Amino acid sequence: MTSPDPFSGAPPPDALPMPSPPARRRRRRGGWAAAVSRGWRSLRRAALAPVWRALRWLGLRFLALMLALVVLFGWILNPPTTWTILAEGTSVKRQWTRADDIAPVMLRSVVAAEDANFCLHWGFDMTEIRRVIARGERRGASTLTQQTAKNVYLWQGRSWARKALETLYTPMIEAVWSKRRILEVYLNVAEFGPGVFGIHAAAAHHFGTTPDALSARQAAALASVLPGPKTRAAQTGSRRTRAIADGAATIRRDGRAACFERE
């Protein structure tokens, strides 16, 4: 019997390592677990597929309904009322007033007071939003389009659900309505005092006049109450009123009123 060559580098046959049974069992268990995991994922996908299809179906139809309401109130019908008006009631009779029958200075005043960059954005004033975030301020940066979406289609108060719907409605309104129509609708549903909704009721209640006859100071005074209509008074001589009147004149001169003004 010949002995293995100690210099050949090959170990004798009986010295070759054999895989241990525990190692083989571990591999078998790993393969079984992976198969179970794959099977579970497949079952889960199969079970959730109808749910996702149903949610997608509902979501698309909900968006279609929202768009239909935007088209309805943008091109066909004036909003007859709002959730806020129904909830709070009116103390002065409302009457819809076309933008053509509202003094142009009133349109400029509300823009100067609430959204000076109204003609420069597509519904969200990103410059103002970034400024508010950078300063760490808690005040909002809502545009007139966002406020119109909230006032016409949604409810008051702070909630993530309302804000999400407002975020969906805003670009739809900007895409379908003109800037002048946005201002017209806003001025006809905004609250100018407890139970005083719309520019017609506001002009009559605060100054005993009609929307087309408002002076620059009266228009600025009405715009000054919009952030807090239940607590602010329409004062023609207040500092805020004077600032709004100056702002209205400024946006007329620098062209920021061009998107909603008639030639």
Protein backbone atom coordinates (compact mmCIF):
# COMPACT_ATOMS: atom_id res chain seq x y z
CA MET A 1 0.00 0.00 0.00
CA THR A 2 1.51 3.31 -1.06
CA SER A 3 1.35 6.26 1.23
CA PRO A 4 0.26 9.63 -0.12
CA ASP A 5 3.01 11.89 -1.34
CA PRO A 6 3.51 14.46 1.40
CA PHE A 7 4.60 17.01 -1.25
CA SER A 8 1.81 16.48 -3.77
CA GLY A 9 -0.52 18.96 -1.97
CA ALA A 10 -3.52 16.62 -2.22
CA PRO A 11 -4.90 15.27 1.05
CA PRO A 12 -5.75 11.60 1.31
CA PRO A 13 -9.34 10.69 0.40
CA ASP A 14 -10.30 9.90 3.94
CA ALA A 15 -9.10 13.35 5.03
CA LEU A 16 -11.53 15.35 2.76
CA PRO A 17 -14.03 17.43 4.86
CA MET A 18 -17.60 16.24 4.66
CA PRO A 19 -20.56 18.62 5.07
CA SER A 20 -22.11 18.22 8.46
CA PRO A 21 -25.79 17.26 8.73
CA PRO A 22 -26.66 20.36 10.80
CA ALA A 23 -25.42 22.62 8.00
CA ARG A 24 -27.61 20.84 5.47
CA ARG A 25 -30.58 21.15 7.80
CA ARG A 26 -29.95 24.88 8.19
CA ARG A 27 -29.98 25.34 4.44
CA ARG A 28 -33.21 23.40 4.14
CA ARG A 29 -34.84 25.49 6.85
CA GLY A 30 -33.69 28.71 5.16
CA GLY A 31 -35.15 27.62 1.84
CA TRP A 32 -38.44 26.69 3.45
CA ALA A 33 -38.70 30.05 5.26
CA ALA A 34 -37.96 31.96 2.06
CA ALA A 35 -40.62 29.99 0.19
CA VAL A 36 -43.16 30.70 2.92
CA SER A 37 -42.25 34.41 2.86
CA ARG A 38 -42.63 34.54 -0.91
CA GLY A 39 -45.93 32.75 -0.70
CA TRP A 40 -47.19 35.10 2.01
CA ARG A 41 -46.23 38.16 -0.03
CA SER A 42 -48.02 36.75 -3.05
CA LEU A 43 -51.14 36.05 -1.01
CA ARG A 44 -51.03 39.52 0.50
CA ARG A 45 -50.70 41.16 -2.90
CA ALA A 46 -53.54 39.05 -4.25
CA ALA A 47 -55.74 39.95 -1.25
CA LEU A 48 -54.94 43.68 -1.39
CA ALA A 49 -55.24 44.06 -5.15
CA PRO A 50 -59.07 44.38 -5.12
CA VAL A 51 -58.83 46.87 -2.24
CA TRP A 52 -56.34 49.06 -4.11
CA ARG A 53 -58.44 48.87 -7.26
CA ALA A 54 -61.53 49.94 -5.30
CA LEU A 55 -59.66 52.81 -3.63
CA ARG A 56 -58.29 53.97 -6.97
CA TRP A 57 -61.78 53.78 -8.49
CA LEU A 58 -63.23 55.84 -5.64
CA GLY A 59 -60.35 58.31 -5.67
CA LEU A 60 -60.61 59.02 -9.39
CA ARG A 61 -64.37 59.54 -9.17
CA PHE A 62 -63.99 61.79 -6.14
CA LEU A 63 -61.51 63.94 -8.06
CA ALA A 64 -63.88 63.97 -11.04
CA LEU A 65 -66.69 65.16 -8.75
CA MET A 66 -64.49 67.93 -7.36
CA LEU A 67 -63.57 69.06 -10.86
CA ALA A 68 -67.24 68.99 -11.90
CA LEU A 69 -68.11 71.29 -8.97
CA VAL A 70 -65.31 73.65 -9.95
CA VAL A 71 -66.62 73.80 -13.52
CA LEU A 72 -70.20 74.23 -12.27
CA PHE A 73 -69.42 77.24 -10.07
CA GLY A 74 -66.88 78.64 -12.46
CA TRP A 75 -68.79 78.65 -15.74
CA ILE A 76 -72.44 77.79 -15.12
CA LEU A 77 -73.80 78.72 -11.71
CA ASN A 78 -73.03 81.13 -8.88
CA PRO A 79 -72.60 79.32 -5.55
CA PRO A 80 -76.04 79.66 -3.91
CA THR A 81 -74.67 79.35 -0.38
CA THR A 82 -71.77 77.87 1.61
CA TRP A 83 -71.33 75.65 4.66
CA THR A 84 -70.30 78.70 6.69
CA ILE A 85 -73.35 80.74 5.70
CA LEU A 86 -75.66 77.82 6.47
CA ALA A 87 -74.00 77.26 9.85
CA GLU A 88 -73.91 80.90 10.98
CA GLY A 89 -76.92 82.40 9.23
CA THR A 90 -77.21 85.89 7.78
CA SER A 91 -78.16 89.13 9.49
CA VAL A 92 -78.16 91.17 6.27
CA LYS A 93 -79.79 90.05 3.03
CA ARG A 94 -77.32 88.60 0.52
CA GLN A 95 -77.41 89.47 -3.16
CA TRP A 96 -74.97 88.23 -5.77
CA THR A 97 -73.00 91.03 -7.41
CA ARG A 98 -71.07 90.58 -10.65
CA ALA A 99 -67.48 91.77 -10.78
CA ASP A 100 -68.55 94.34 -13.39
CA ASP A 101 -70.89 95.85 -10.78
CA ILE A 102 -68.24 96.12 -8.07
CA ALA A 103 -66.04 99.22 -7.89
CA PRO A 104 -62.61 98.30 -9.35
CA VAL A 105 -60.94 99.77 -6.28
CA MET A 106 -62.70 97.12 -4.18
CA LEU A 107 -61.07 94.36 -6.22
CA ARG A 108 -57.68 96.01 -5.87
CA SER A 109 -58.19 96.59 -2.14
CA VAL A 110 -58.94 92.97 -1.33
CA VAL A 111 -55.90 91.87 -3.33
CA ALA A 112 -53.70 94.43 -1.58
CA ALA A 113 -55.00 93.33 1.81
CA GLU A 114 -55.03 89.55 1.39
CA ASP A 115 -52.80 88.50 -1.52
CA ALA A 116 -50.61 91.17 -3.14
CA ASN A 117 -49.05 88.61 -5.50
CA PHE A 118 -52.43 87.33 -6.68
CA CYS A 119 -51.57 87.86 -10.37
CA LEU A 120 -48.13 86.28 -10.02
CA HIS A 121 -48.90 82.82 -8.62
CA TRP A 122 -50.86 79.73 -9.68
CA GLY A 123 -52.80 79.33 -6.43
CA PHE A 124 -49.95 78.95 -3.93
CA ASP A 125 -47.62 81.84 -3.15
CA MET A 126 -44.41 79.86 -2.72
CA THR A 127 -42.36 83.00 -2.00
CA GLU A 128 -44.61 83.91 0.91
CA ILE A 129 -44.73 80.32 2.15
CA ARG A 130 -40.91 80.13 2.21
CA ARG A 131 -40.74 83.50 4.01
CA VAL A 132 -43.16 82.34 6.70
CA ILE A 133 -41.22 79.10 7.20
CA ALA A 134 -37.86 80.89 7.33
CA ARG A 135 -39.13 83.30 9.98
CA GLY A 136 -40.77 80.53 11.99
CA GLU A 137 -44.07 82.36 11.98
CA ARG A 138 -47.31 80.62 12.84
CA ARG A 139 -49.52 82.75 10.61
CA GLY A 140 -50.77 81.22 7.40
CA ALA A 141 -49.82 82.16 3.86
CA SER A 142 -53.15 81.37 2.23
CA THR A 143 -53.83 83.01 -1.10
CA LEU A 144 -57.19 84.35 -2.24
CA THR A 145 -57.60 81.22 -4.35
CA GLN A 146 -57.10 79.00 -1.31
CA GLN A 147 -59.53 81.08 0.73
CA THR A 148 -62.08 80.88 -2.08
CA ALA A 149 -61.73 77.09 -2.21
CA LYS A 150 -62.26 76.89 1.55
CA ASN A 151 -65.18 79.33 1.64
CA VAL A 152 -67.07 77.84 -1.31
CA TYR A 153 -66.50 74.10 -0.99
CA LEU A 154 -65.27 73.37 2.53
CA TRP A 155 -65.69 74.38 6.14
CA GLN A 156 -63.91 76.69 8.57
CA GLY A 157 -61.49 75.52 11.22
CA ARG A 158 -58.10 73.86 11.11
CA SER A 159 -57.76 70.21 10.20
CA TRP A 160 -55.53 68.10 7.96
CA ALA A 161 -58.54 66.81 6.03
CA ARG A 162 -59.76 70.31 5.19
CA LYS A 163 -56.27 71.46 4.25
CA ALA A 164 -55.75 68.45 1.99
CA LEU A 165 -59.02 69.11 0.16
CA GLU A 166 -58.17 72.80 -0.11
CA THR A 167 -54.84 71.84 -1.65
CA LEU A 168 -56.66 69.77 -4.27
CA TYR A 169 -59.31 72.38 -5.04
CA THR A 170 -56.88 75.29 -5.40
CA PRO A 171 -55.06 74.26 -8.62
CA MET A 172 -58.37 73.14 -10.13
CA ILE A 173 -59.85 76.58 -9.53
CA GLU A 174 -56.78 78.29 -10.96
CA ALA A 175 -56.94 76.06 -14.05
CA VAL A 176 -60.67 76.52 -14.72
CA TRP A 177 -61.59 79.99 -13.42
CA SER A 178 -60.20 83.35 -14.46
CA LYS A 179 -58.56 85.53 -11.82
CA ARG A 180 -61.46 87.96 -12.11
CA ARG A 181 -63.95 85.14 -11.48
CA ILE A 182 -62.00 84.07 -8.39
CA LEU A 183 -62.26 87.58 -6.97
CA GLU A 184 -65.94 87.83 -7.86
CA VAL A 185 -66.80 84.59 -6.08
CA TYR A 186 -64.60 85.42 -3.11
CA LEU A 187 -66.19 88.83 -2.58
CA ASN A 188 -69.68 87.33 -2.78
CA VAL A 189 -69.14 84.66 -0.11
CA ALA A 190 -66.62 86.32 2.24
CA GLU A 191 -67.75 87.39 5.69
CA PHE A 192 -67.49 91.13 6.40
CA GLY A 193 -69.02 91.06 9.85
CA PRO A 194 -71.16 88.77 12.03
CA GLY A 195 -73.80 87.44 9.64
CA VAL A 196 -72.70 89.87 6.88
CA PHE A 197 -71.78 87.76 3.88
CA GLY A 198 -70.92 89.14 0.47
CA ILE A 199 -69.90 92.54 -0.82
CA HIS A 200 -73.48 93.70 -1.46
CA ALA A 201 -74.49 93.12 2.18
CA ALA A 202 -71.18 94.60 3.38
CA ALA A 203 -71.54 97.85 1.42
CA ALA A 204 -75.13 98.28 2.59
CA HIS A 205 -74.45 97.35 6.22
CA HIS A 206 -71.28 99.34 6.83
CA PHE A 207 -71.73 102.36 4.55
CA GLY A 208 -75.32 102.36 3.30
CA THR A 209 -74.23 102.18 -0.32
CA THR A 210 -73.88 99.71 -3.19
CA PRO A 211 -70.73 97.85 -4.31
CA ASP A 212 -70.31 99.92 -7.46
CA ALA A 213 -70.33 103.21 -5.50
CA LEU A 214 -67.65 102.33 -2.92
CA SER A 215 -64.91 104.91 -2.51
CA ALA A 216 -61.23 104.01 -2.14
CA ARG A 217 -61.34 104.46 1.65
CA GLN A 218 -64.58 102.51 2.02
CA ALA A 219 -63.23 99.65 -0.09
CA ALA A 220 -60.02 99.58 1.95
CA ALA A 221 -62.03 99.64 5.19
CA LEU A 222 -64.09 96.64 4.08
CA ALA A 223 -60.94 94.76 3.08
CA SER A 224 -59.41 95.53 6.47
CA VAL A 225 -62.01 93.46 8.33
CA LEU A 226 -61.49 90.25 6.33
CA PRO A 227 -58.85 88.62 8.58
CA GLY A 228 -61.21 88.95 11.57
CA PRO A 229 -64.73 89.82 10.47
CA LYS A 230 -66.27 89.06 13.84
CA THR A 231 -63.97 91.35 15.80
CA ARG A 232 -62.82 94.10 13.40
CA ALA A 233 -64.73 97.22 12.43
CA ALA A 234 -64.72 98.85 8.99
CA GLN A 235 -63.02 102.13 9.91
CA THR A 236 -62.12 104.45 7.05
CA GLY A 237 -59.56 106.36 9.11
CA SER A 238 -57.61 103.47 10.66
CA ARG A 239 -53.92 102.89 10.00
CA ARG A 240 -54.62 99.53 8.38
CA THR A 241 -57.24 101.07 6.09
CA ARG A 242 -54.76 103.73 4.94
CA ALA A 243 -52.11 101.09 4.31
CA ILE A 244 -54.53 98.99 2.23
CA ALA A 245 -55.59 102.05 0.22
CA ASP A 246 -51.94 102.79 -0.52
CA GLY A 247 -51.36 99.15 -1.45
CA ALA A 248 -54.32 99.15 -3.83
CA ALA A 249 -52.88 102.20 -5.61
CA THR A 250 -49.46 100.58 -5.74
CA ILE A 251 -50.56 97.32 -7.37
CA ARG A 252 -52.48 99.34 -9.95
CA ARG A 253 -49.35 101.32 -10.86
CA ASP A 254 -46.92 98.39 -10.97
CA GLY A 255 -49.19 96.06 -13.00
CA ARG A 256 -50.05 93.53 -10.30
CA ALA A 257 -53.76 94.19 -10.92
CA ALA A 258 -53.58 93.49 -14.64
CA CYS A 259 -54.88 89.91 -14.44
CA PHE A 260 -58.31 90.93 -13.10
CA GLU A 261 -58.84 94.51 -14.28
CA ARG A 262 -60.96 95.39 -17.28
CA GLU A 263 -59.31 97.50 -19.96
